[in-house]
Amino acid sequence: SAGIDEVPGVYKDIHEVMAAQTDLVEVLG
């Protein structure tokens, strides 16, 4: 279940967001 206002297309590309903050965090999993 979910609302149509929460589908993937309403969000930014998470990979681009993570690439923009490599100086803030490192990925462990």
PDB file of all heavy atoms in Angstrom:
ATOM      1  N   SER A   1       0.845  -1.193   0.000  1.00  0.00           N
ATOM      2  CA  SER A   1       0.000   0.000   0.000  1.00  0.00           C
ATOM      3  C   SER A   1       0.876   1.237   0.000  1.00  0.00           C
ATOM      4  O   SER A   1       2.003   1.220   0.515  1.00  0.00           O
ATOM      5  CB  SER A   1      -0.936   0.016   1.222  1.00  0.00           C
ATOM      6  OG  SER A   1      -0.190   0.001   2.428  1.00  0.00           O
ATOM      7  N   ALA A   2       0.354   2.315  -0.571  1.00  0.00           N
ATOM      8  CA  ALA A   2       1.058   3.609  -0.603  1.00  0.00           C
ATOM      9  C   ALA A   2       0.175   4.608  -1.321  1.00  0.00           C
ATOM     10  O   ALA A   2      -0.763   4.237  -2.033  1.00  0.00           O
ATOM     11  CB  ALA A   2       2.406   3.502  -1.314  1.00  0.00           C
ATOM     12  N   GLY A   3       0.479   5.874  -1.158  1.00  0.00           N
ATOM     13  CA  GLY A   3      -0.186   6.919  -1.913  1.00  0.00           C
ATOM     14  C   GLY A   3       0.556   7.157  -3.215  1.00  0.00           C
ATOM     15  O   GLY A   3       1.774   6.972  -3.290  1.00  0.00           O
ATOM     16  N   ILE A   4      -0.154   7.584  -4.244  1.00  0.00           N
ATOM     17  CA  ILE A   4       0.471   7.861  -5.537  1.00  0.00           C
ATOM     18  C   ILE A   4       1.474   9.001  -5.425  1.00  0.00           C
ATOM     19  O   ILE A   4       2.371   9.155  -6.268  1.00  0.00           O
ATOM     20  CB  ILE A   4      -0.606   8.195  -6.603  1.00  0.00           C
ATOM     21  CG1 ILE A   4      -0.025   8.139  -8.017  1.00  0.00           C
ATOM     22  CG2 ILE A   4      -1.250   9.545  -6.321  1.00  0.00           C
ATOM     23  CD1 ILE A   4       0.319   6.760  -8.489  1.00  0.00           C
ATOM     24  N   ASP A   5       1.353   9.805  -4.350  1.00  0.00           N
ATOM     25  CA  ASP A   5       2.294  10.920  -4.141  1.00  0.00           C
ATOM     26  C   ASP A   5       3.602  10.474  -3.509  1.00  0.00           C
ATOM     27  O   ASP A   5       4.439  11.304  -3.149  1.00  0.00           O
ATOM     28  CB  ASP A   5       1.656  12.015  -3.292  1.00  0.00           C
ATOM     29  CG  ASP A   5       1.053  11.493  -1.999  1.00  0.00           C
ATOM     30  OD1 ASP A   5       1.051  10.263  -1.794  1.00  0.00           O
ATOM     31  OD2 ASP A   5       0.570  12.307  -1.193  1.00  0.00           O
ATOM     32  N   GLU A   6       3.814   9.151  -3.379  1.00  0.00           N
ATOM     33  CA  GLU A   6       5.067   8.633  -2.831  1.00  0.00           C
ATOM     34  C   GLU A   6       5.787   7.699  -3.796  1.00  0.00           C
ATOM     35  O   GLU A   6       6.684   6.972  -3.395  1.00  0.00           O
ATOM     36  CB  GLU A   6       4.797   7.896  -1.510  1.00  0.00           C
ATOM     37  CG  GLU A   6       4.588   8.821  -0.335  1.00  0.00           C
ATOM     38  CD  GLU A   6       5.803   9.690  -0.052  1.00  0.00           C
ATOM     39  OE1 GLU A   6       6.939   9.213  -0.230  1.00  0.00           O
ATOM     40  OE2 GLU A   6       5.618  10.857   0.328  1.00  0.00           O
ATOM     41  N   VAL A   7       5.388   7.696  -5.059  1.00  0.00           N
ATOM     42  CA  VAL A   7       6.004   6.804  -6.037  1.00  0.00           C
ATOM     43  C   VAL A   7       7.427   7.271  -6.348  1.00  0.00           C
ATOM     44  O   VAL A   7       7.795   8.417  -6.059  1.00  0.00           O
ATOM     45  CB  VAL A   7       5.153   6.723  -7.316  1.00  0.00           C
ATOM     46  CG1 VAL A   7       3.756   6.193  -6.983  1.00  0.00           C
ATOM     47  CG2 VAL A   7       5.064   8.083  -8.010  1.00  0.00           C
ATOM     48  N   PRO A   8       8.256   6.397  -6.922  1.00  0.00           N
ATOM     49  CA  PRO A   8       9.681   6.756  -7.134  1.00  0.00           C
ATOM     50  C   PRO A   8       9.902   8.055  -7.895  1.00  0.00           C
ATOM     51  O   PRO A   8      10.865   8.783  -7.620  1.00  0.00           O
ATOM     52  CB  PRO A   8      10.207   5.551  -7.916  1.00  0.00           C
ATOM     53  CG  PRO A   8       9.337   4.410  -7.493  1.00  0.00           C
ATOM     54  CD  PRO A   8       7.974   5.001  -7.295  1.00  0.00           C
ATOM     55  N   GLY A   9       9.003   8.374  -8.849  1.00  0.00           N
ATOM     56  CA  GLY A   9       9.215   9.552  -9.672  1.00  0.00           C
ATOM     57  C   GLY A   9       9.129  10.880  -8.955  1.00  0.00           C
ATOM     58  O   GLY A   9       9.507  11.908  -9.520  1.00  0.00           O
ATOM     59  N   VAL A  10       8.635  10.889  -7.718  1.00  0.00           N
ATOM     60  CA  VAL A  10       8.549  12.164  -6.992  1.00  0.00           C
ATOM     61  C   VAL A  10       9.863  12.490  -6.290  1.00  0.00           C
ATOM     62  O   VAL A  10       9.993  13.553  -5.688  1.00  0.00           O
ATOM     63  CB  VAL A  10       7.398  12.169  -5.960  1.00  0.00           C
ATOM     64  CG1 VAL A  10       6.090  11.774  -6.623  1.00  0.00           C
ATOM     65  CG2 VAL A  10       7.701  11.272  -4.772  1.00  0.00           C
ATOM     66  N   TYR A  11      10.840  11.571  -6.378  1.00  0.00           N
ATOM     67  CA  TYR A  11      12.100  11.764  -5.668  1.00  0.00           C
ATOM     68  C   TYR A  11      13.281  11.973  -6.610  1.00  0.00           C
ATOM     69  O   TYR A  11      13.270  11.533  -7.761  1.00  0.00           O
ATOM     70  CB  TYR A  11      12.381  10.555  -4.767  1.00  0.00           C
ATOM     71  CG  TYR A  11      11.479  10.528  -3.557  1.00  0.00           C
ATOM     72  CD1 TYR A  11      10.338   9.738  -3.528  1.00  0.00           C
ATOM     73  CD2 TYR A  11      11.748  11.325  -2.446  1.00  0.00           C
ATOM     74  CE1 TYR A  11       9.489   9.730  -2.432  1.00  0.00           C
ATOM     75  CE2 TYR A  11      10.916  11.332  -1.351  1.00  0.00           C
ATOM     76  CZ  TYR A  11       9.786  10.536  -1.343  1.00  0.00           C
ATOM     77  OH  TYR A  11       8.950  10.548  -0.259  1.00  0.00           O
ATOM     78  N   LYS A  12      14.300  12.629  -6.090  1.00  0.00           N
ATOM     79  CA  LYS A  12      15.550  12.803  -6.821  1.00  0.00           C
ATOM     80  C   LYS A  12      16.257  11.457  -6.966  1.00  0.00           C
ATOM     81  O   LYS A  12      15.928  10.486  -6.279  1.00  0.00           O
ATOM     82  CB  LYS A  12      16.480  13.777  -6.074  1.00  0.00           C
ATOM     83  CG  LYS A  12      15.917  15.170  -5.899  1.00  0.00           C
ATOM     84  CD  LYS A  12      16.895  16.043  -5.112  1.00  0.00           C
ATOM     85  CE  LYS A  12      16.308  17.426  -4.867  1.00  0.00           C
ATOM     86  NZ  LYS A  12      17.242  18.299  -4.107  1.00  0.00           N
ATOM     87  N   ASP A  13      17.222  11.410  -7.839  1.00  0.00           N
ATOM     88  CA  ASP A  13      18.052  10.227  -8.014  1.00  0.00           C
ATOM     89  C   ASP A  13      18.937  10.079  -6.781  1.00  0.00           C
ATOM     90  O   ASP A  13      19.818  10.909  -6.533  1.00  0.00           O
ATOM     91  CB  ASP A  13      18.899  10.383  -9.278  1.00  0.00           C
ATOM     92  CG  ASP A  13      19.711   9.141  -9.612  1.00  0.00           C
ATOM     93  OD1 ASP A  13      20.094   8.402  -8.669  1.00  0.00           O
ATOM     94  OD2 ASP A  13      19.992   8.918 -10.793  1.00  0.00           O
ATOM     95  N   ILE A  14      18.705   9.042  -5.990  1.00  0.00           N
ATOM     96  CA  ILE A  14      19.459   8.864  -4.748  1.00  0.00           C
ATOM     97  C   ILE A  14      20.955   8.718  -5.012  1.00  0.00           C
ATOM     98  O   ILE A  14      21.777   9.143  -4.188  1.00  0.00           O
ATOM     99  CB  ILE A  14      18.931   7.645  -3.947  1.00  0.00           C
ATOM    100  CG1 ILE A  14      19.624   7.530  -2.587  1.00  0.00           C
ATOM    101  CG2 ILE A  14      19.087   6.363  -4.749  1.00  0.00           C
ATOM    102  CD1 ILE A  14      19.427   8.710  -1.663  1.00  0.00           C
ATOM    103  N   HIS A  15      21.325   8.164  -6.160  1.00  0.00           N
ATOM    104  CA  HIS A  15      22.748   8.008  -6.473  1.00  0.00           C
ATOM    105  C   HIS A  15      23.408   9.375  -6.689  1.00  0.00           C
ATOM    106  O   HIS A  15      24.565   9.586  -6.281  1.00  0.00           O
ATOM    107  CB  HIS A  15      22.928   7.115  -7.699  1.00  0.00           C
ATOM    108  CG  HIS A  15      22.394   5.726  -7.514  1.00  0.00           C
ATOM    109  ND1 HIS A  15      23.035   4.799  -6.709  1.00  0.00           N
ATOM    110  CD2 HIS A  15      21.281   5.120  -7.998  1.00  0.00           C
ATOM    111  CE1 HIS A  15      22.344   3.661  -6.724  1.00  0.00           C
ATOM    112  NE2 HIS A  15      21.277   3.830  -7.490  1.00  0.00           N
ATOM    113  N   GLU A  16      22.679  10.306  -7.297  1.00  0.00           N
ATOM    114  CA  GLU A  16      23.221  11.657  -7.473  1.00  0.00           C
ATOM    115  C   GLU A  16      23.341  12.366  -6.128  1.00  0.00           C
ATOM    116  O   GLU A  16      24.308  13.099  -5.883  1.00  0.00           O
ATOM    117  CB  GLU A  16      22.328  12.456  -8.425  1.00  0.00           C
ATOM    118  CG  GLU A  16      22.343  11.955  -9.859  1.00  0.00           C
ATOM    119  CD  GLU A  16      21.481  12.795 -10.777  1.00  0.00           C
ATOM    120  OE1 GLU A  16      20.893  13.792 -10.295  1.00  0.00           O
ATOM    121  OE2 GLU A  16      21.390  12.461 -11.983  1.00  0.00           O
ATOM    122  N   VAL A  17      22.350  12.159  -5.267  1.00  0.00           N
ATOM    123  CA  VAL A  17      22.400  12.768  -3.936  1.00  0.00           C
ATOM    124  C   VAL A  17      23.595  12.231  -3.153  1.00  0.00           C
ATOM    125  O   VAL A  17      24.337  12.997  -2.518  1.00  0.00           O
ATOM    126  CB  VAL A  17      21.091  12.485  -3.166  1.00  0.00           C
ATOM    127  CG1 VAL A  17      21.216  12.915  -1.702  1.00  0.00           C
ATOM    128  CG2 VAL A  17      19.929  13.222  -3.826  1.00  0.00           C
ATOM    129  N   MET A  18      23.821  10.922  -3.204  1.00  0.00           N
ATOM    130  CA  MET A  18      24.953  10.335  -2.483  1.00  0.00           C
ATOM    131  C   MET A  18      26.282  10.814  -3.075  1.00  0.00           C
ATOM    132  O   MET A  18      27.245  11.067  -2.338  1.00  0.00           O
ATOM    133  CB  MET A  18      24.870   8.814  -2.518  1.00  0.00           C
ATOM    134  CG  MET A  18      23.653   8.223  -1.806  1.00  0.00           C
ATOM    135  SD  MET A  18      23.503   8.705  -0.065  1.00  0.00           S
ATOM    136  CE  MET A  18      24.966   7.910   0.624  1.00  0.00           C
ATOM    137  N   ALA A  19      26.329  10.953  -4.389  1.00  0.00           N
ATOM    138  CA  ALA A  19      27.565  11.420  -5.034  1.00  0.00           C
ATOM    139  C   ALA A  19      27.905  12.845  -4.640  1.00  0.00           C
ATOM    140  O   ALA A  19      29.085  13.236  -4.648  1.00  0.00           O
ATOM    141  CB  ALA A  19      27.422  11.317  -6.554  1.00  0.00           C
ATOM    142  N   ALA A  20      26.882  13.622  -4.273  1.00  0.00           N
ATOM    143  CA  ALA A  20      27.103  15.024  -3.902  1.00  0.00           C
ATOM    144  C   ALA A  20      27.580  15.182  -2.467  1.00  0.00           C
ATOM    145  O   ALA A  20      27.903  16.298  -2.045  1.00  0.00           O
ATOM    146  CB  ALA A  20      25.819  15.824  -4.108  1.00  0.00           C
ATOM    147  N   GLN A  21      27.620  14.084  -1.693  1.00  0.00           N
ATOM    148  CA  GLN A  21      27.998  14.208  -0.282  1.00  0.00           C
ATOM    149  C   GLN A  21      29.045  13.172   0.132  1.00  0.00           C
ATOM    150  O   GLN A  21      29.058  12.698   1.269  1.00  0.00           O
ATOM    151  CB  GLN A  21      26.767  14.105   0.607  1.00  0.00           C
ATOM    152  CG  GLN A  21      25.921  12.868   0.426  1.00  0.00           C
ATOM    153  CD  GLN A  21      24.666  12.885   1.288  1.00  0.00           C
ATOM    154  OE1 GLN A  21      24.514  13.686   2.211  1.00  0.00           O
ATOM    155  NE2 GLN A  21      23.747  11.979   1.003  1.00  0.00           N
ATOM    156  N   THR A  22      29.943  12.849  -0.782  1.00  0.00           N
ATOM    157  CA  THR A  22      31.009  11.899  -0.456  1.00  0.00           C
ATOM    158  C   THR A  22      31.972  12.456   0.588  1.00  0.00           C
ATOM    159  O   THR A  22      32.697  11.698   1.230  1.00  0.00           O
ATOM    160  CB  THR A  22      31.793  11.502  -1.714  1.00  0.00           C
ATOM    161  OG1 THR A  22      32.287  12.689  -2.363  1.00  0.00           O
ATOM    162  CG2 THR A  22      30.904  10.735  -2.685  1.00  0.00           C
ATOM    163  N   ASP A  23      31.979  13.769   0.755  1.00  0.00           N
ATOM    164  CA  ASP A  23      32.827  14.368   1.789  1.00  0.00           C
ATOM    165  C   ASP A  23      32.120  14.411   3.142  1.00  0.00           C
ATOM    166  O   ASP A  23      32.706  14.845   4.137  1.00  0.00           O
ATOM    167  CB  ASP A  23      33.262  15.774   1.387  1.00  0.00           C
ATOM    168  CG  ASP A  23      32.091  16.710   1.097  1.00  0.00           C
ATOM    169  OD1 ASP A  23      30.998  16.206   0.758  1.00  0.00           O
ATOM    170  OD2 ASP A  23      32.265  17.931   1.203  1.00  0.00           O
ATOM    171  N   LEU A  24      30.859  13.958   3.174  1.00  0.00           N
ATOM    172  CA  LEU A  24      30.094  13.967   4.413  1.00  0.00           C
ATOM    173  C   LEU A  24      29.946  12.575   5.020  1.00  0.00           C
ATOM    174  O   LEU A  24      29.963  12.429   6.244  1.00  0.00           O
ATOM    175  CB  LEU A  24      28.704  14.567   4.179  1.00  0.00           C
ATOM    176  CG  LEU A  24      28.651  15.948   3.515  1.00  0.00           C
ATOM    177  CD1 LEU A  24      27.205  16.426   3.421  1.00  0.00           C
ATOM    178  CD2 LEU A  24      29.505  16.952   4.286  1.00  0.00           C
ATOM    179  N   VAL A  25      29.772  11.560   4.168  1.00  0.00           N
ATOM    180  CA  VAL A  25      29.557  10.189   4.650  1.00  0.00           C
ATOM    181  C   VAL A  25      30.244   9.197   3.720  1.00  0.00           C
ATOM    182  O   VAL A  25      30.519   9.489   2.555  1.00  0.00           O
ATOM    183  CB  VAL A  25      28.056   9.826   4.727  1.00  0.00           C
ATOM    184  CG1 VAL A  25      27.348  10.622   5.803  1.00  0.00           C
ATOM    185  CG2 VAL A  25      27.381  10.007   3.368  1.00  0.00           C
ATOM    186  N   GLU A  26      30.507   7.979   4.263  1.00  0.00           N
ATOM    187  CA  GLU A  26      30.956   6.858   3.441  1.00  0.00           C
ATOM    188  C   GLU A  26      29.955   5.727   3.598  1.00  0.00           C
ATOM    189  O   GLU A  26      29.347   5.560   4.662  1.00  0.00           O
ATOM    190  CB  GLU A  26      32.355   6.394   3.861  1.00  0.00           C
ATOM    191  CG  GLU A  26      32.497   6.003   5.317  1.00  0.00           C
ATOM    192  CD  GLU A  26      33.938   5.707   5.688  1.00  0.00           C
ATOM    193  OE1 GLU A  26      34.729   5.369   4.790  1.00  0.00           O
ATOM    194  OE2 GLU A  26      34.281   5.828   6.881  1.00  0.00           O
ATOM    195  N   VAL A  27      29.750   4.961   2.532  1.00  0.00           N
ATOM    196  CA  VAL A  27      28.742   3.911   2.504  1.00  0.00           C
ATOM    197  C   VAL A  27      29.301   2.611   3.073  1.00  0.00           C
ATOM    198  O   VAL A  27      30.359   2.145   2.663  1.00  0.00           O
ATOM    199  CB  VAL A  27      28.224   3.695   1.072  1.00  0.00           C
ATOM    200  CG1 VAL A  27      27.265   2.514   1.014  1.00  0.00           C
ATOM    201  CG2 VAL A  27      27.545   4.958   0.561  1.00  0.00           C
ATOM    202  N   LEU A  28      28.542   2.007   4.005  1.00  0.00           N
ATOM    203  CA  LEU A  28      28.950   0.753   4.636  1.00  0.00           C
ATOM    204  C   LEU A  28      28.052  -0.415   4.241  1.00  0.00           C
ATOM    205  O   LEU A  28      28.290  -1.556   4.646  1.00  0.00           O
ATOM    206  CB  LEU A  28      28.935   0.881   6.167  1.00  0.00           C
ATOM    207  CG  LEU A  28      30.185   1.454   6.842  1.00  0.00           C
ATOM    208  CD1 LEU A  28      30.467   2.865   6.378  1.00  0.00           C
ATOM    209  CD2 LEU A  28      30.031   1.428   8.355  1.00  0.00           C
ATOM    210  N   GLY A  29      27.017  -0.168   3.484  1.00  0.00           N
ATOM    211  CA  GLY A  29      26.122  -1.230   3.060  1.00  0.00           C
ATOM    212  C   GLY A  29      24.946  -0.646   2.301  1.00  0.00           C
ATOM    213  O   GLY A  29      24.642   0.553   2.428  1.00  0.00           O
TER     214      GLY A  29
END
